[in-house]
């Protein structure tokens, strides 16, 4: 597994937004790209407020913003990083953007991707990492827990409420979240100490 990061250039809306509003963290949940066309992204923003949405709507690279009241917004936009992904291979999703830096994973070495990024003026940092090995269901549950505010402080939803919304038992949800946390937290601590 290759862990990649790149500072987004001026003019890329997510880079500009997270530099202008450093408290904002973005997770790109889906990315629909075609070479030479607008990119459609579903993005989870935290925190998400009217000032942030206004900034996004007024950005020159953004063509359309759909806000349906959930933490996730739908954005049509232009971005050099997305253009490269359209021409080569998109990253594993979700990927994050914080303080102007995008971080994503690729399952294998992609020298063609790194070269394409460099041609667009993007410097990329790459390092080999162990596979996280979350199952599809674990990823789904984790994303839903984040979206519903289970990890917010204070929590917006209890374990029981989240289990009910997911249609699973509280004990299964608790066990799944503990497994996910035990896989992700040690790795996160290693990279941030």
N, C-alpha and C. Protein backbone atom coordinates (compact mmCIF):
# COMPACT_ATOMS: atom_id res chain seq x y z
N UNK A 1 0.85 -1.17 0.00
CA UNK A 1 0.00 0.00 0.00
C UNK A 1 0.90 1.24 0.00
N UNK A 2 0.59 2.19 -0.86
CA UNK A 2 1.37 3.42 -0.96
C UNK A 2 0.57 4.58 -0.37
N UNK A 3 1.14 5.24 0.64
CA UNK A 3 0.52 6.44 1.23
C UNK A 3 1.08 7.65 0.49
N UNK A 4 0.21 8.46 -0.06
CA UNK A 4 0.62 9.60 -0.89
C UNK A 4 0.08 10.89 -0.31
N UNK A 5 0.82 11.97 -0.52
CA UNK A 5 0.33 13.29 -0.13
C UNK A 5 0.88 14.32 -1.09
N UNK A 6 0.12 15.41 -1.24
CA UNK A 6 0.52 16.49 -2.13
C UNK A 6 -0.13 17.78 -1.66
N UNK A 7 0.65 18.87 -1.66
CA UNK A 7 0.05 20.18 -1.42
C UNK A 7 -0.74 20.55 -2.65
N UNK A 8 -2.00 20.92 -2.46
CA UNK A 8 -2.84 21.31 -3.58
C UNK A 8 -2.48 22.73 -4.02
N UNK A 9 -2.45 22.99 -5.32
CA UNK A 9 -2.03 24.30 -5.80
C UNK A 9 -3.09 25.37 -5.56
N UNK A 10 -2.67 26.62 -5.62
CA UNK A 10 -3.61 27.74 -5.58
C UNK A 10 -4.61 27.53 -6.72
N UNK A 11 -5.86 27.80 -6.46
CA UNK A 11 -6.88 27.63 -7.49
C UNK A 11 -7.67 26.35 -7.36
N UNK A 12 -7.14 25.37 -6.61
CA UNK A 12 -7.89 24.14 -6.34
C UNK A 12 -8.78 24.42 -5.14
N UNK A 13 -10.08 24.28 -5.29
CA UNK A 13 -11.02 24.77 -4.27
C UNK A 13 -10.81 24.13 -2.91
N UNK A 14 -10.55 22.83 -2.84
CA UNK A 14 -10.35 22.19 -1.53
C UNK A 14 -9.06 22.65 -0.87
N UNK A 15 -8.02 22.84 -1.67
CA UNK A 15 -6.77 23.38 -1.13
C UNK A 15 -6.95 24.79 -0.62
N UNK A 16 -7.58 25.64 -1.43
CA UNK A 16 -7.81 27.03 -1.04
C UNK A 16 -8.71 27.11 0.20
N UNK A 17 -9.78 26.31 0.22
CA UNK A 17 -10.70 26.33 1.36
C UNK A 17 -10.01 25.94 2.65
N UNK A 18 -9.24 24.86 2.63
CA UNK A 18 -8.64 24.37 3.87
C UNK A 18 -7.43 25.20 4.31
N UNK A 19 -6.85 25.97 3.39
CA UNK A 19 -5.81 26.94 3.80
C UNK A 19 -6.46 28.18 4.40
N UNK A 20 -7.55 28.65 3.77
CA UNK A 20 -8.26 29.84 4.24
C UNK A 20 -8.99 29.58 5.56
N UNK A 21 -9.50 28.37 5.72
CA UNK A 21 -10.24 27.96 6.93
C UNK A 21 -9.55 26.72 7.50
N UNK A 22 -8.44 26.89 8.24
CA UNK A 22 -7.65 25.73 8.68
C UNK A 22 -8.39 24.76 9.59
N UNK A 23 -9.48 25.18 10.18
CA UNK A 23 -10.24 24.26 11.05
C UNK A 23 -11.04 23.24 10.24
N UNK A 24 -11.22 23.50 8.94
CA UNK A 24 -12.01 22.62 8.09
C UNK A 24 -11.18 21.42 7.66
N UNK A 25 -11.77 20.25 7.84
CA UNK A 25 -11.20 19.01 7.33
C UNK A 25 -12.18 18.46 6.31
N UNK A 26 -11.66 17.94 5.24
CA UNK A 26 -12.51 17.41 4.17
C UNK A 26 -12.16 15.96 3.90
N UNK A 27 -13.18 15.17 3.67
CA UNK A 27 -13.01 13.79 3.22
C UNK A 27 -13.74 13.67 1.88
N UNK A 28 -13.02 13.32 0.84
CA UNK A 28 -13.63 13.10 -0.46
C UNK A 28 -14.13 11.66 -0.47
N UNK A 29 -15.46 11.51 -0.47
CA UNK A 29 -16.06 10.19 -0.36
C UNK A 29 -16.21 9.51 -1.71
N UNK A 30 -16.44 10.32 -2.76
CA UNK A 30 -16.50 9.77 -4.11
C UNK A 30 -16.01 10.82 -5.08
N UNK A 31 -15.54 10.35 -6.21
CA UNK A 31 -14.90 11.22 -7.19
C UNK A 31 -15.24 10.66 -8.56
N UNK A 32 -16.00 11.42 -9.34
CA UNK A 32 -16.37 11.00 -10.69
C UNK A 32 -15.63 11.91 -11.66
N UNK A 33 -14.69 11.34 -12.40
CA UNK A 33 -13.84 12.16 -13.26
C UNK A 33 -13.88 11.66 -14.70
N UNK A 34 -13.67 12.60 -15.60
CA UNK A 34 -13.46 12.31 -17.02
C UNK A 34 -12.40 13.27 -17.51
N UNK A 35 -11.45 12.82 -18.31
CA UNK A 35 -10.43 13.75 -18.81
C UNK A 35 -11.06 14.95 -19.52
N UNK A 36 -10.60 16.14 -19.17
CA UNK A 36 -11.06 17.36 -19.81
C UNK A 36 -12.43 17.83 -19.38
N UNK A 37 -13.02 17.24 -18.35
CA UNK A 37 -14.37 17.61 -17.92
C UNK A 37 -14.38 17.98 -16.45
N UNK A 38 -15.50 18.52 -16.04
CA UNK A 38 -15.70 18.83 -14.62
C UNK A 38 -15.66 17.54 -13.81
N UNK A 39 -15.19 17.63 -12.60
CA UNK A 39 -15.20 16.51 -11.67
C UNK A 39 -16.40 16.66 -10.75
N UNK A 40 -17.05 15.57 -10.43
CA UNK A 40 -18.14 15.58 -9.45
C UNK A 40 -17.64 14.85 -8.22
N UNK A 41 -17.66 15.54 -7.06
CA UNK A 41 -17.18 14.96 -5.82
C UNK A 41 -18.25 15.02 -4.75
N UNK A 42 -18.32 13.98 -3.94
CA UNK A 42 -19.10 14.02 -2.70
C UNK A 42 -18.09 14.23 -1.59
N UNK A 43 -18.29 15.30 -0.80
CA UNK A 43 -17.29 15.70 0.18
C UNK A 43 -17.95 15.87 1.55
N UNK A 44 -17.34 15.26 2.55
CA UNK A 44 -17.76 15.42 3.95
C UNK A 44 -16.88 16.51 4.55
N UNK A 45 -17.51 17.60 5.00
CA UNK A 45 -16.77 18.72 5.59
C UNK A 45 -17.04 18.79 7.08
N UNK A 46 -16.00 18.96 7.88
CA UNK A 46 -16.17 19.20 9.31
C UNK A 46 -15.23 20.31 9.73
N UNK A 47 -15.67 21.35 10.40
CA UNK A 47 -17.09 21.71 10.54
C UNK A 47 -17.61 22.28 9.23
N UNK A 48 -18.90 22.28 9.09
CA UNK A 48 -19.56 22.77 7.89
C UNK A 48 -20.54 23.84 8.33
N UNK A 49 -20.31 25.08 7.90
CA UNK A 49 -21.22 26.16 8.27
C UNK A 49 -21.47 27.04 7.06
N UNK A 50 -22.31 28.04 7.20
CA UNK A 50 -22.70 28.89 6.07
C UNK A 50 -21.51 29.66 5.51
N UNK A 51 -20.58 30.07 6.36
CA UNK A 51 -19.39 30.78 5.88
C UNK A 51 -18.56 29.88 4.96
N UNK A 52 -18.40 28.63 5.34
CA UNK A 52 -17.65 27.68 4.54
C UNK A 52 -18.37 27.41 3.22
N UNK A 53 -19.68 27.18 3.27
CA UNK A 53 -20.45 26.92 2.05
C UNK A 53 -20.42 28.13 1.11
N UNK A 54 -20.51 29.32 1.67
CA UNK A 54 -20.45 30.54 0.86
C UNK A 54 -19.10 30.65 0.16
N UNK A 55 -18.03 30.35 0.87
CA UNK A 55 -16.69 30.38 0.29
C UNK A 55 -16.60 29.41 -0.89
N UNK A 56 -17.13 28.19 -0.71
CA UNK A 56 -17.07 27.18 -1.76
C UNK A 56 -17.86 27.65 -2.98
N UNK A 57 -19.08 28.14 -2.75
CA UNK A 57 -19.93 28.59 -3.86
C UNK A 57 -19.29 29.70 -4.67
N UNK A 58 -18.49 30.56 -4.02
CA UNK A 58 -17.91 31.70 -4.71
C UNK A 58 -16.54 31.40 -5.34
N UNK A 59 -16.03 30.20 -5.14
CA UNK A 59 -14.71 29.85 -5.65
C UNK A 59 -14.75 29.69 -7.18
N UNK A 60 -13.75 30.20 -7.85
CA UNK A 60 -13.70 30.18 -9.31
C UNK A 60 -13.65 28.80 -9.93
N UNK A 61 -13.12 27.80 -9.23
CA UNK A 61 -13.02 26.45 -9.78
C UNK A 61 -14.30 25.64 -9.59
N UNK A 62 -15.24 26.17 -8.79
CA UNK A 62 -16.47 25.43 -8.47
C UNK A 62 -17.57 25.83 -9.44
N UNK A 63 -18.19 24.85 -10.06
CA UNK A 63 -19.28 25.09 -11.01
C UNK A 63 -20.66 24.96 -10.37
N UNK A 64 -20.78 24.08 -9.38
CA UNK A 64 -22.08 23.85 -8.74
C UNK A 64 -21.87 23.22 -7.38
N UNK A 65 -22.69 23.64 -6.41
CA UNK A 65 -22.67 23.04 -5.07
C UNK A 65 -24.09 22.62 -4.73
N UNK A 66 -24.25 21.37 -4.37
CA UNK A 66 -25.56 20.91 -3.89
C UNK A 66 -25.43 20.59 -2.41
N UNK A 67 -26.20 21.30 -1.63
CA UNK A 67 -26.22 21.13 -0.18
C UNK A 67 -27.61 20.68 0.20
N UNK A 68 -27.73 19.45 0.63
CA UNK A 68 -29.05 18.91 0.99
C UNK A 68 -29.22 18.78 2.49
N UNK A 69 -28.45 19.59 3.23
CA UNK A 69 -28.61 19.63 4.68
C UNK A 69 -27.82 18.57 5.44
N UNK A 70 -27.22 17.61 4.75
CA UNK A 70 -26.42 16.60 5.44
C UNK A 70 -24.99 17.11 5.53
N UNK A 71 -24.12 16.42 6.27
CA UNK A 71 -22.73 16.86 6.33
C UNK A 71 -22.00 16.72 4.99
N UNK A 72 -22.61 15.98 4.06
CA UNK A 72 -21.98 15.73 2.76
C UNK A 72 -22.53 16.70 1.73
N UNK A 73 -21.63 17.32 0.95
CA UNK A 73 -22.06 18.19 -0.14
C UNK A 73 -21.60 17.58 -1.47
N UNK A 74 -22.30 17.94 -2.53
CA UNK A 74 -21.97 17.48 -3.88
C UNK A 74 -21.43 18.70 -4.63
N UNK A 75 -20.23 18.57 -5.20
CA UNK A 75 -19.56 19.70 -5.83
C UNK A 75 -19.09 19.32 -7.23
N UNK A 76 -19.43 20.16 -8.22
CA UNK A 76 -18.85 20.05 -9.57
C UNK A 76 -17.74 21.07 -9.63
N UNK A 77 -16.55 20.63 -10.04
CA UNK A 77 -15.40 21.53 -9.97
C UNK A 77 -14.29 21.10 -10.92
N UNK A 78 -13.29 21.99 -11.06
CA UNK A 78 -12.06 21.69 -11.78
C UNK A 78 -10.94 21.63 -10.77
N UNK A 79 -10.04 20.66 -10.92
CA UNK A 79 -8.90 20.51 -10.00
C UNK A 79 -7.82 19.71 -10.72
N UNK A 80 -6.57 20.18 -10.70
CA UNK A 80 -5.51 19.45 -11.39
C UNK A 80 -5.30 18.03 -10.84
N UNK A 81 -5.47 17.85 -9.55
CA UNK A 81 -5.31 16.52 -8.96
C UNK A 81 -6.37 15.57 -9.54
N UNK A 82 -7.62 16.04 -9.60
CA UNK A 82 -8.69 15.21 -10.16
C UNK A 82 -8.45 14.92 -11.64
N UNK A 83 -7.91 15.89 -12.38
CA UNK A 83 -7.59 15.67 -13.79
C UNK A 83 -6.59 14.53 -13.95
N UNK A 84 -5.58 14.52 -13.11
CA UNK A 84 -4.58 13.45 -13.18
C UNK A 84 -5.22 12.11 -12.84
N UNK A 85 -6.07 12.09 -11.82
CA UNK A 85 -6.75 10.84 -11.47
C UNK A 85 -7.62 10.35 -12.63
N UNK A 86 -8.24 11.28 -13.36
CA UNK A 86 -9.08 10.89 -14.51
C UNK A 86 -8.24 10.27 -15.62
N UNK A 87 -7.01 10.75 -15.77
CA UNK A 87 -6.14 10.27 -16.84
C UNK A 87 -5.39 8.99 -16.46
N UNK A 88 -5.22 8.74 -15.17
CA UNK A 88 -4.45 7.56 -14.73
C UNK A 88 -5.37 6.60 -13.99
N UNK A 89 -5.40 6.71 -12.69
CA UNK A 89 -6.21 5.82 -11.86
C UNK A 89 -6.60 6.56 -10.59
N UNK A 90 -7.89 6.57 -10.24
CA UNK A 90 -8.28 7.28 -9.02
C UNK A 90 -7.72 6.61 -7.77
N UNK A 91 -7.60 7.37 -6.67
CA UNK A 91 -7.07 6.81 -5.43
C UNK A 91 -8.12 5.96 -4.72
N UNK A 92 -7.67 5.29 -3.67
CA UNK A 92 -8.63 4.61 -2.80
C UNK A 92 -9.42 5.69 -2.07
N UNK A 93 -10.70 5.49 -1.97
CA UNK A 93 -11.57 6.46 -1.30
C UNK A 93 -11.99 5.92 0.05
N UNK A 94 -12.27 6.79 1.00
CA UNK A 94 -12.17 8.24 0.92
C UNK A 94 -10.73 8.70 1.02
N UNK A 95 -10.45 9.94 0.57
CA UNK A 95 -9.16 10.55 0.85
C UNK A 95 -9.40 11.89 1.50
N UNK A 96 -8.40 12.39 2.21
CA UNK A 96 -8.61 13.58 3.04
C UNK A 96 -7.82 14.77 2.52
N UNK A 97 -8.35 15.96 2.86
CA UNK A 97 -7.67 17.22 2.58
C UNK A 97 -7.73 18.05 3.85
N UNK A 98 -6.56 18.50 4.27
CA UNK A 98 -6.47 19.32 5.48
C UNK A 98 -5.34 20.32 5.29
N UNK A 99 -5.62 21.58 5.59
CA UNK A 99 -4.63 22.66 5.50
C UNK A 99 -3.90 22.65 4.15
N UNK A 100 -4.68 22.44 3.08
CA UNK A 100 -4.14 22.51 1.73
C UNK A 100 -3.42 21.28 1.25
N UNK A 101 -3.41 20.22 2.04
CA UNK A 101 -2.69 18.99 1.68
C UNK A 101 -3.68 17.84 1.50
N UNK A 102 -3.58 17.18 0.34
CA UNK A 102 -4.38 15.98 0.08
C UNK A 102 -3.57 14.76 0.48
N UNK A 103 -4.24 13.79 1.09
CA UNK A 103 -3.60 12.53 1.48
C UNK A 103 -4.48 11.39 1.01
N UNK A 104 -3.87 10.44 0.30
CA UNK A 104 -4.63 9.32 -0.24
C UNK A 104 -3.75 8.08 -0.30
N UNK A 105 -4.37 6.96 -0.65
CA UNK A 105 -3.67 5.68 -0.74
C UNK A 105 -3.86 5.07 -2.13
N UNK A 106 -2.82 4.39 -2.59
CA UNK A 106 -2.88 3.59 -3.80
C UNK A 106 -2.43 2.19 -3.44
N UNK A 107 -3.05 1.18 -4.05
CA UNK A 107 -2.70 -0.19 -3.67
C UNK A 107 -1.30 -0.62 -4.10
N UNK A 108 -0.71 0.08 -5.07
CA UNK A 108 0.61 -0.33 -5.54
C UNK A 108 1.37 0.89 -6.07
N UNK A 109 2.64 0.67 -6.34
CA UNK A 109 3.52 1.71 -6.89
C UNK A 109 2.98 2.17 -8.25
N UNK A 110 2.89 3.49 -8.46
CA UNK A 110 2.37 4.04 -9.72
C UNK A 110 3.27 5.17 -10.21
N UNK A 111 4.38 4.82 -10.81
CA UNK A 111 5.32 5.84 -11.28
C UNK A 111 4.69 6.74 -12.33
N UNK A 112 3.79 6.19 -13.16
CA UNK A 112 3.11 7.01 -14.17
C UNK A 112 2.25 8.08 -13.49
N UNK A 113 1.61 7.73 -12.39
CA UNK A 113 0.80 8.69 -11.64
C UNK A 113 1.68 9.78 -11.04
N UNK A 114 2.79 9.39 -10.41
CA UNK A 114 3.66 10.39 -9.78
C UNK A 114 4.18 11.36 -10.84
N UNK A 115 4.55 10.82 -12.03
CA UNK A 115 5.05 11.68 -13.11
C UNK A 115 3.96 12.61 -13.62
N UNK A 116 2.75 12.10 -13.78
CA UNK A 116 1.63 12.94 -14.25
C UNK A 116 1.36 14.06 -13.25
N UNK A 117 1.44 13.78 -11.96
CA UNK A 117 1.24 14.81 -10.94
C UNK A 117 2.34 15.87 -11.03
N UNK A 118 3.56 15.42 -11.21
CA UNK A 118 4.69 16.37 -11.32
C UNK A 118 4.54 17.27 -12.56
N UNK A 119 4.05 16.70 -13.67
CA UNK A 119 3.84 17.51 -14.88
C UNK A 119 2.79 18.60 -14.65
N UNK A 120 1.84 18.36 -13.76
CA UNK A 120 0.82 19.36 -13.42
C UNK A 120 1.33 20.33 -12.36
N UNK A 121 2.59 20.17 -11.95
CA UNK A 121 3.16 21.07 -10.95
C UNK A 121 2.88 20.66 -9.52
N UNK A 122 2.41 19.44 -9.32
CA UNK A 122 2.11 18.95 -7.97
C UNK A 122 3.27 18.10 -7.48
N UNK A 123 3.81 18.45 -6.34
CA UNK A 123 4.85 17.64 -5.72
C UNK A 123 4.16 16.57 -4.89
N UNK A 124 4.57 15.33 -5.08
CA UNK A 124 3.94 14.23 -4.37
C UNK A 124 4.96 13.53 -3.49
N UNK A 125 4.52 13.19 -2.29
CA UNK A 125 5.33 12.43 -1.36
C UNK A 125 4.70 11.04 -1.27
N UNK A 126 5.53 10.00 -1.37
CA UNK A 126 5.02 8.63 -1.38
C UNK A 126 5.82 7.79 -0.39
N UNK A 127 5.11 6.97 0.38
CA UNK A 127 5.78 6.02 1.27
C UNK A 127 4.97 4.73 1.31
N UNK A 128 5.67 3.63 1.46
CA UNK A 128 5.02 2.32 1.52
C UNK A 128 4.47 2.11 2.94
N UNK A 129 3.25 1.57 3.01
CA UNK A 129 2.61 1.31 4.30
C UNK A 129 1.99 -0.07 4.32
N UNK A 130 1.75 -0.52 5.53
CA UNK A 130 1.00 -1.77 5.69
C UNK A 130 -0.44 -1.55 5.26
N UNK A 131 -1.05 -2.58 4.74
CA UNK A 131 -2.47 -2.55 4.37
C UNK A 131 -3.31 -2.40 5.63
N UNK A 132 -4.31 -1.54 5.59
CA UNK A 132 -5.18 -1.34 6.76
C UNK A 132 -6.13 -2.50 6.98
N UNK A 133 -6.56 -3.10 5.91
CA UNK A 133 -7.38 -4.30 5.96
C UNK A 133 -8.71 -4.14 6.69
N UNK A 134 -9.40 -3.03 6.45
CA UNK A 134 -10.77 -2.93 6.91
C UNK A 134 -11.65 -3.63 5.89
N UNK A 135 -12.65 -4.33 6.37
CA UNK A 135 -13.60 -4.93 5.43
C UNK A 135 -14.51 -3.84 4.89
N UNK A 136 -15.19 -4.16 3.81
CA UNK A 136 -16.14 -3.20 3.22
C UNK A 136 -17.20 -2.77 4.26
N UNK A 137 -17.71 -3.74 5.00
CA UNK A 137 -18.74 -3.44 6.01
C UNK A 137 -18.17 -2.58 7.13
N UNK A 138 -16.94 -2.85 7.57
CA UNK A 138 -16.32 -2.01 8.60
C UNK A 138 -16.17 -0.58 8.11
N UNK A 139 -15.76 -0.40 6.84
CA UNK A 139 -15.64 0.94 6.28
C UNK A 139 -16.99 1.65 6.26
N UNK A 140 -18.04 0.93 5.83
CA UNK A 140 -19.39 1.51 5.77
C UNK A 140 -19.85 1.96 7.15
N UNK A 141 -19.64 1.11 8.14
CA UNK A 141 -20.07 1.44 9.51
C UNK A 141 -19.27 2.62 10.05
N UNK A 142 -17.97 2.62 9.82
CA UNK A 142 -17.14 3.73 10.29
C UNK A 142 -17.56 5.05 9.65
N UNK A 143 -17.75 5.06 8.34
CA UNK A 143 -18.17 6.29 7.65
C UNK A 143 -19.51 6.79 8.18
N UNK A 144 -20.43 5.86 8.39
CA UNK A 144 -21.75 6.25 8.90
C UNK A 144 -21.63 6.81 10.32
N UNK A 145 -20.78 6.21 11.15
CA UNK A 145 -20.57 6.71 12.51
C UNK A 145 -20.01 8.12 12.48
N UNK A 146 -19.09 8.38 11.56
CA UNK A 146 -18.53 9.73 11.41
C UNK A 146 -19.60 10.69 10.94
N UNK A 147 -20.34 10.31 9.90
CA UNK A 147 -21.40 11.17 9.34
C UNK A 147 -22.46 11.50 10.37
N UNK A 148 -22.83 10.53 11.19
CA UNK A 148 -23.90 10.73 12.17
C UNK A 148 -23.43 11.49 13.41
N UNK A 149 -22.12 11.71 13.56
CA UNK A 149 -21.60 12.47 14.69
C UNK A 149 -21.25 11.64 15.90
N UNK A 150 -21.05 10.34 15.73
CA UNK A 150 -20.69 9.49 16.85
C UNK A 150 -19.33 9.87 17.43
N UNK A 151 -18.40 10.33 16.58
CA UNK A 151 -17.08 10.70 17.05
C UNK A 151 -16.94 12.19 17.34
N UNK A 152 -18.01 12.96 17.22
CA UNK A 152 -17.97 14.38 17.56
C UNK A 152 -17.92 14.55 19.07
N UNK A 153 -17.47 15.71 19.50
CA UNK A 153 -17.52 16.02 20.92
C UNK A 153 -18.30 17.31 21.11
N UNK A 154 -19.40 17.30 21.82
CA UNK A 154 -20.07 16.11 22.37
C UNK A 154 -20.69 15.27 21.25
N UNK A 155 -20.94 14.02 21.55
CA UNK A 155 -21.52 13.11 20.56
C UNK A 155 -22.90 13.59 20.15
N UNK A 156 -23.18 13.46 18.86
CA UNK A 156 -24.50 13.83 18.34
C UNK A 156 -25.45 12.64 18.31
N UNK A 157 -24.88 11.44 18.47
CA UNK A 157 -25.68 10.23 18.44
C UNK A 157 -25.05 9.21 19.40
N UNK A 158 -25.88 8.48 20.11
CA UNK A 158 -25.38 7.45 21.01
C UNK A 158 -25.14 6.15 20.23
N UNK A 159 -24.47 5.22 20.87
CA UNK A 159 -24.24 3.91 20.26
C UNK A 159 -25.57 3.23 19.94
N UNK A 160 -26.52 3.31 20.87
CA UNK A 160 -27.84 2.68 20.66
C UNK A 160 -28.57 3.32 19.48
N UNK A 161 -28.54 4.66 19.40
CA UNK A 161 -29.22 5.36 18.30
C UNK A 161 -28.57 5.01 16.96
N UNK A 162 -27.25 4.98 16.94
CA UNK A 162 -26.54 4.66 15.71
C UNK A 162 -26.85 3.23 15.27
N UNK A 163 -26.86 2.29 16.20
CA UNK A 163 -27.18 0.90 15.88
C UNK A 163 -28.58 0.80 15.29
N UNK A 164 -29.51 1.54 15.86
CA UNK A 164 -30.88 1.52 15.35
C UNK A 164 -30.94 2.08 13.92
N UNK A 165 -30.24 3.18 13.69
CA UNK A 165 -30.22 3.79 12.35
C UNK A 165 -29.59 2.87 11.31
N UNK A 166 -28.59 2.08 11.74
CA UNK A 166 -27.92 1.15 10.84
C UNK A 166 -28.68 -0.18 10.70
N UNK A 167 -29.64 -0.40 11.59
CA UNK A 167 -30.40 -1.65 11.55
C UNK A 167 -29.61 -2.85 12.03
N UNK A 168 -28.70 -2.61 13.00
CA UNK A 168 -27.88 -3.70 13.55
C UNK A 168 -27.97 -3.64 15.07
N UNK A 169 -27.50 -4.69 15.73
CA UNK A 169 -27.54 -4.70 17.19
C UNK A 169 -26.46 -3.79 17.76
N UNK A 170 -26.73 -3.31 18.95
CA UNK A 170 -25.77 -2.44 19.64
C UNK A 170 -24.46 -3.18 19.90
N UNK A 171 -24.54 -4.46 20.28
CA UNK A 171 -23.33 -5.23 20.58
C UNK A 171 -22.49 -5.43 19.31
N UNK A 172 -23.15 -5.70 18.16
CA UNK A 172 -22.41 -5.87 16.91
C UNK A 172 -21.74 -4.55 16.51
N UNK A 173 -22.45 -3.44 16.67
CA UNK A 173 -21.88 -2.13 16.34
C UNK A 173 -20.68 -1.83 17.23
N UNK A 174 -20.82 -2.06 18.52
CA UNK A 174 -19.73 -1.81 19.46
C UNK A 174 -18.51 -2.65 19.11
N UNK A 175 -18.72 -3.93 18.84
CA UNK A 175 -17.61 -4.83 18.49
C UNK A 175 -16.94 -4.39 17.19
N UNK A 176 -17.73 -3.99 16.20
CA UNK A 176 -17.18 -3.56 14.90
C UNK A 176 -16.35 -2.30 15.07
N UNK A 177 -16.87 -1.32 15.81
CA UNK A 177 -16.12 -0.07 16.00
C UNK A 177 -14.83 -0.31 16.78
N UNK A 178 -14.87 -1.22 17.76
CA UNK A 178 -13.64 -1.54 18.50
C UNK A 178 -12.60 -2.19 17.58
N UNK A 179 -13.03 -3.08 16.68
CA UNK A 179 -12.10 -3.71 15.74
C UNK A 179 -11.50 -2.66 14.80
N UNK A 180 -12.35 -1.77 14.30
CA UNK A 180 -11.89 -0.72 13.39
C UNK A 180 -10.87 0.18 14.11
N UNK A 181 -11.22 0.60 15.31
CA UNK A 181 -10.33 1.49 16.07
C UNK A 181 -9.00 0.79 16.38
N UNK A 182 -9.06 -0.50 16.70
CA UNK A 182 -7.82 -1.21 17.02
C UNK A 182 -6.92 -1.37 15.80
N UNK A 183 -7.51 -1.34 14.59
CA UNK A 183 -6.70 -1.41 13.37
C UNK A 183 -6.14 -0.04 13.00
N UNK A 184 -6.94 1.01 13.18
CA UNK A 184 -6.54 2.33 12.68
C UNK A 184 -5.77 3.18 13.68
N UNK A 185 -6.10 3.11 14.96
CA UNK A 185 -5.47 4.01 15.92
C UNK A 185 -3.96 3.79 16.10
N UNK A 186 -3.47 2.56 16.23
CA UNK A 186 -2.02 2.40 16.36
C UNK A 186 -1.25 3.00 15.18
N UNK A 187 -1.76 2.79 13.96
CA UNK A 187 -1.13 3.33 12.77
C UNK A 187 -1.17 4.86 12.78
N UNK A 188 -2.30 5.43 13.19
CA UNK A 188 -2.43 6.88 13.26
C UNK A 188 -1.45 7.47 14.26
N UNK A 189 -1.28 6.82 15.40
CA UNK A 189 -0.35 7.31 16.41
C UNK A 189 1.10 7.26 15.92
N UNK A 190 1.45 6.24 15.17
CA UNK A 190 2.80 6.13 14.64
C UNK A 190 3.13 7.29 13.70
N UNK A 191 2.14 7.74 12.93
CA UNK A 191 2.38 8.78 11.94
C UNK A 191 2.28 10.18 12.51
N UNK A 192 1.78 10.34 13.72
CA UNK A 192 1.56 11.67 14.28
C UNK A 192 2.33 11.91 15.57
N UNK A 193 3.34 11.11 15.83
CA UNK A 193 4.14 11.33 17.03
C UNK A 193 5.52 11.82 16.67
